[in-house]
Structures are given as C-alpha cells and as structure tokens.
Amino acid sequence: MFGVPVYIIILSIFLLLILIEVFSNHRHPFWNALLGSFLGIAALICTNIAAAFTGVKICISVLSLAIASLAGIPGVAMMIIIDLIT
C-alpha cells in the first residue's frame, strides 16, 4: 500500500482511536482503546468457536484481525453480516 509498512498503518489508526477517546473526555483513553481492541479479537475468536453451532465462520487472517482489533465488536458484527449476505 504505497510502500508504507502495514504496522505503521495499524499503529497510526490505533493512535487515531486514542485521540478520539481523548477528545471524548474519557478518563483513560489508552485503556479504553486497548479494551476495545481486545474485545474485538475476543468476539472474533468466540464467533469461530461457535461456528459449529451457528454456521458462521470468519477466517482468521491479517485483515480480519486488523478489522476486529481496530473496529472492535462492531467490526466483527459487520464481518458476520457480510458473511451471512454472501
């Protein structure tokens, strides 16, 4: 992607999320952004564990992990809806 390493892009998006948290007047913006990332990854893992019962399986790749960690639970929900539509 234009010669920019992927980790620089992910780091800059994470810092953007922290800035959004700071300007939202949260008391702990870093921990809120980190918690959202962990909850997104946990939701992705739980979705794959429940795939035997629900039939919805999201392949764990760099892209799906990036979406889950940057967008959190809404990102995982978006991937589930896209999987159900296609």
C-alpha atoms as a PDB file:
ATOM      1  CA  MET A   1       0.000   0.000   0.000  1.00  0.00           C
ATOM      2  CA  PHE A   2       2.082   2.863  -1.370  1.00  0.00           C
ATOM      3  CA  GLY A   3       5.253   1.477   0.189  1.00  0.00           C
ATOM      4  CA  VAL A   4       4.115   2.092   3.778  1.00  0.00           C
ATOM      5  CA  PRO A   5       4.605  -0.888   6.116  1.00  0.00           C
ATOM      6  CA  VAL A   6       1.415  -2.415   7.493  1.00  0.00           C
ATOM      7  CA  TYR A   7       2.465  -1.966  11.118  1.00  0.00           C
ATOM      8  CA  ILE A   8       2.809   1.794  10.585  1.00  0.00           C
ATOM      9  CA  ILE A   9      -0.752   1.949   9.232  1.00  0.00           C
ATOM     10  CA  ILE A  10      -2.133  -0.120  12.135  1.00  0.00           C
ATOM     11  CA  LEU A  11      -0.229   1.960  14.688  1.00  0.00           C
ATOM     12  CA  SER A  12      -1.465   5.224  13.178  1.00  0.00           C
ATOM     13  CA  ILE A  13      -5.092   4.022  13.199  1.00  0.00           C
ATOM     14  CA  PHE A  14      -4.701   2.938  16.843  1.00  0.00           C
ATOM     15  CA  LEU A  15      -3.285   6.358  17.721  1.00  0.00           C
ATOM     16  CA  LEU A  16      -6.210   7.967  15.913  1.00  0.00           C
ATOM     17  CA  LEU A  17      -8.590   5.917  18.056  1.00  0.00           C
ATOM     18  CA  ILE A  18      -6.766   7.088  21.183  1.00  0.00           C
ATOM     19  CA  LEU A  19      -7.109  10.716  20.025  1.00  0.00           C
ATOM     20  CA  ILE A  20     -10.829  10.194  19.534  1.00  0.00           C
ATOM     21  CA  GLU A  21     -11.030   8.798  23.059  1.00  0.00           C
ATOM     22  CA  VAL A  22      -9.065  11.777  24.436  1.00  0.00           C
ATOM     23  CA  PHE A  23     -11.353  14.315  22.802  1.00  0.00           C
ATOM     24  CA  SER A  24     -14.391  12.358  24.031  1.00  0.00           C
ATOM     25  CA  ASN A  25     -13.341  13.260  27.585  1.00  0.00           C
ATOM     26  CA  HIS A  26     -12.851   9.696  28.765  1.00  0.00           C
ATOM     27  CA  ARG A  27     -10.757   9.269  31.875  1.00  0.00           C
ATOM     28  CA  HIS A  28      -8.495   6.536  30.481  1.00  0.00           C
ATOM     29  CA  PRO A  29      -8.350   6.847  26.680  1.00  0.00           C
ATOM     30  CA  PHE A  30      -5.476   4.408  26.131  1.00  0.00           C
ATOM     31  CA  TRP A  31      -7.078   1.656  28.193  1.00  0.00           C
ATOM     32  CA  ASN A  32     -10.469   2.204  26.546  1.00  0.00           C
ATOM     33  CA  ALA A  33      -8.937   1.846  23.071  1.00  0.00           C
ATOM     34  CA  LEU A  34      -6.940  -1.208  24.172  1.00  0.00           C
ATOM     35  CA  LEU A  35     -10.014  -2.794  25.750  1.00  0.00           C
ATOM     36  CA  GLY A  36     -11.993  -2.253  22.538  1.00  0.00           C
ATOM     37  CA  SER A  37      -9.237  -3.963  20.569  1.00  0.00           C
ATOM     38  CA  PHE A  38      -9.135  -6.950  22.898  1.00  0.00           C
ATOM     39  CA  LEU A  39     -12.923  -7.251  22.927  1.00  0.00           C
ATOM     40  CA  GLY A  40     -12.971  -7.255  19.128  1.00  0.00           C
ATOM     41  CA  ILE A  41     -10.399 -10.033  18.937  1.00  0.00           C
ATOM     42  CA  ALA A  42     -12.247 -11.976  21.649  1.00  0.00           C
ATOM     43  CA  ALA A  43     -15.507 -11.609  19.696  1.00  0.00           C
ATOM     44  CA  LEU A  44     -13.764 -12.916  16.571  1.00  0.00           C
ATOM     45  CA  ILE A  45     -12.458 -15.946  18.468  1.00  0.00           C
ATOM     46  CA  CYS A  46     -15.860 -16.608  20.069  1.00  0.00           C
ATOM     47  CA  THR A  47     -17.510 -16.394  16.656  1.00  0.00           C
ATOM     48  CA  ASN A  48     -15.164 -19.050  15.329  1.00  0.00           C
ATOM     49  CA  ILE A  49     -15.696 -21.271  18.375  1.00  0.00           C
ATOM     50  CA  ALA A  50     -19.479 -21.043  17.930  1.00  0.00           C
ATOM     51  CA  ALA A  51     -19.195 -21.717  14.178  1.00  0.00           C
ATOM     52  CA  ALA A  52     -20.147 -25.364  14.660  1.00  0.00           C
ATOM     53  CA  PHE A  53     -23.497 -24.291  16.098  1.00  0.00           C
ATOM     54  CA  THR A  54     -24.227 -21.174  14.040  1.00  0.00           C
ATOM     55  CA  GLY A  55     -22.671 -21.957  10.674  1.00  0.00           C
ATOM     56  CA  VAL A  56     -20.967 -18.544  10.600  1.00  0.00           C
ATOM     57  CA  LYS A  57     -17.195 -18.821  10.320  1.00  0.00           C
ATOM     58  CA  ILE A  58     -14.843 -15.936   9.746  1.00  0.00           C
ATOM     59  CA  CYS A  59     -11.387 -16.973   8.587  1.00  0.00           C
ATOM     60  CA  ILE A  60      -8.715 -15.575  10.858  1.00  0.00           C
ATOM     61  CA  SER A  61      -6.330 -13.621   8.661  1.00  0.00           C
ATOM     62  CA  VAL A  62      -4.349 -10.423   8.957  1.00  0.00           C
ATOM     63  CA  LEU A  63      -7.263  -8.446   7.513  1.00  0.00           C
ATOM     64  CA  SER A  64      -9.900  -9.915   9.831  1.00  0.00           C
ATOM     65  CA  LEU A  65      -7.638  -9.437  12.865  1.00  0.00           C
ATOM     66  CA  ALA A  66      -6.998  -5.830  11.830  1.00  0.00           C
ATOM     67  CA  ILE A  67     -10.721  -5.148  11.449  1.00  0.00           C
ATOM     68  CA  ALA A  68     -11.507  -6.848  14.764  1.00  0.00           C
ATOM     69  CA  SER A  69      -8.798  -5.005  16.658  1.00  0.00           C
ATOM     70  CA  LEU A  70      -9.411  -1.588  15.111  1.00  0.00           C
ATOM     71  CA  ALA A  71     -13.205  -1.572  14.917  1.00  0.00           C
ATOM     72  CA  GLY A  72     -13.892  -3.838  17.897  1.00  0.00           C
ATOM     73  CA  ILE A  73     -17.181  -5.652  18.302  1.00  0.00           C
ATOM     74  CA  PRO A  74     -18.968  -3.579  15.616  1.00  0.00           C
ATOM     75  CA  GLY A  75     -16.276  -4.628  13.148  1.00  0.00           C
ATOM     76  CA  VAL A  76     -16.834  -8.298  13.961  1.00  0.00           C
ATOM     77  CA  ALA A  77     -20.592  -7.792  13.634  1.00  0.00           C
ATOM     78  CA  MET A  78     -20.001  -6.207  10.218  1.00  0.00           C
ATOM     79  CA  MET A  79     -17.923  -9.202   9.129  1.00  0.00           C
ATOM     80  CA  ILE A  80     -20.666 -11.582  10.338  1.00  0.00           C
ATOM     81  CA  ILE A  81     -23.323  -9.666   8.383  1.00  0.00           C
ATOM     82  CA  ILE A  82     -21.155  -9.678   5.263  1.00  0.00           C
ATOM     83  CA  ASP A  83     -20.603 -13.429   5.696  1.00  0.00           C
ATOM     84  CA  LEU A  84     -24.347 -14.006   6.000  1.00  0.00           C
ATOM     85  CA  ILE A  85     -25.116 -11.880   2.938  1.00  0.00           C
ATOM     86  CA  THR A  86     -22.535 -13.518   0.666  1.00  0.00           C
END
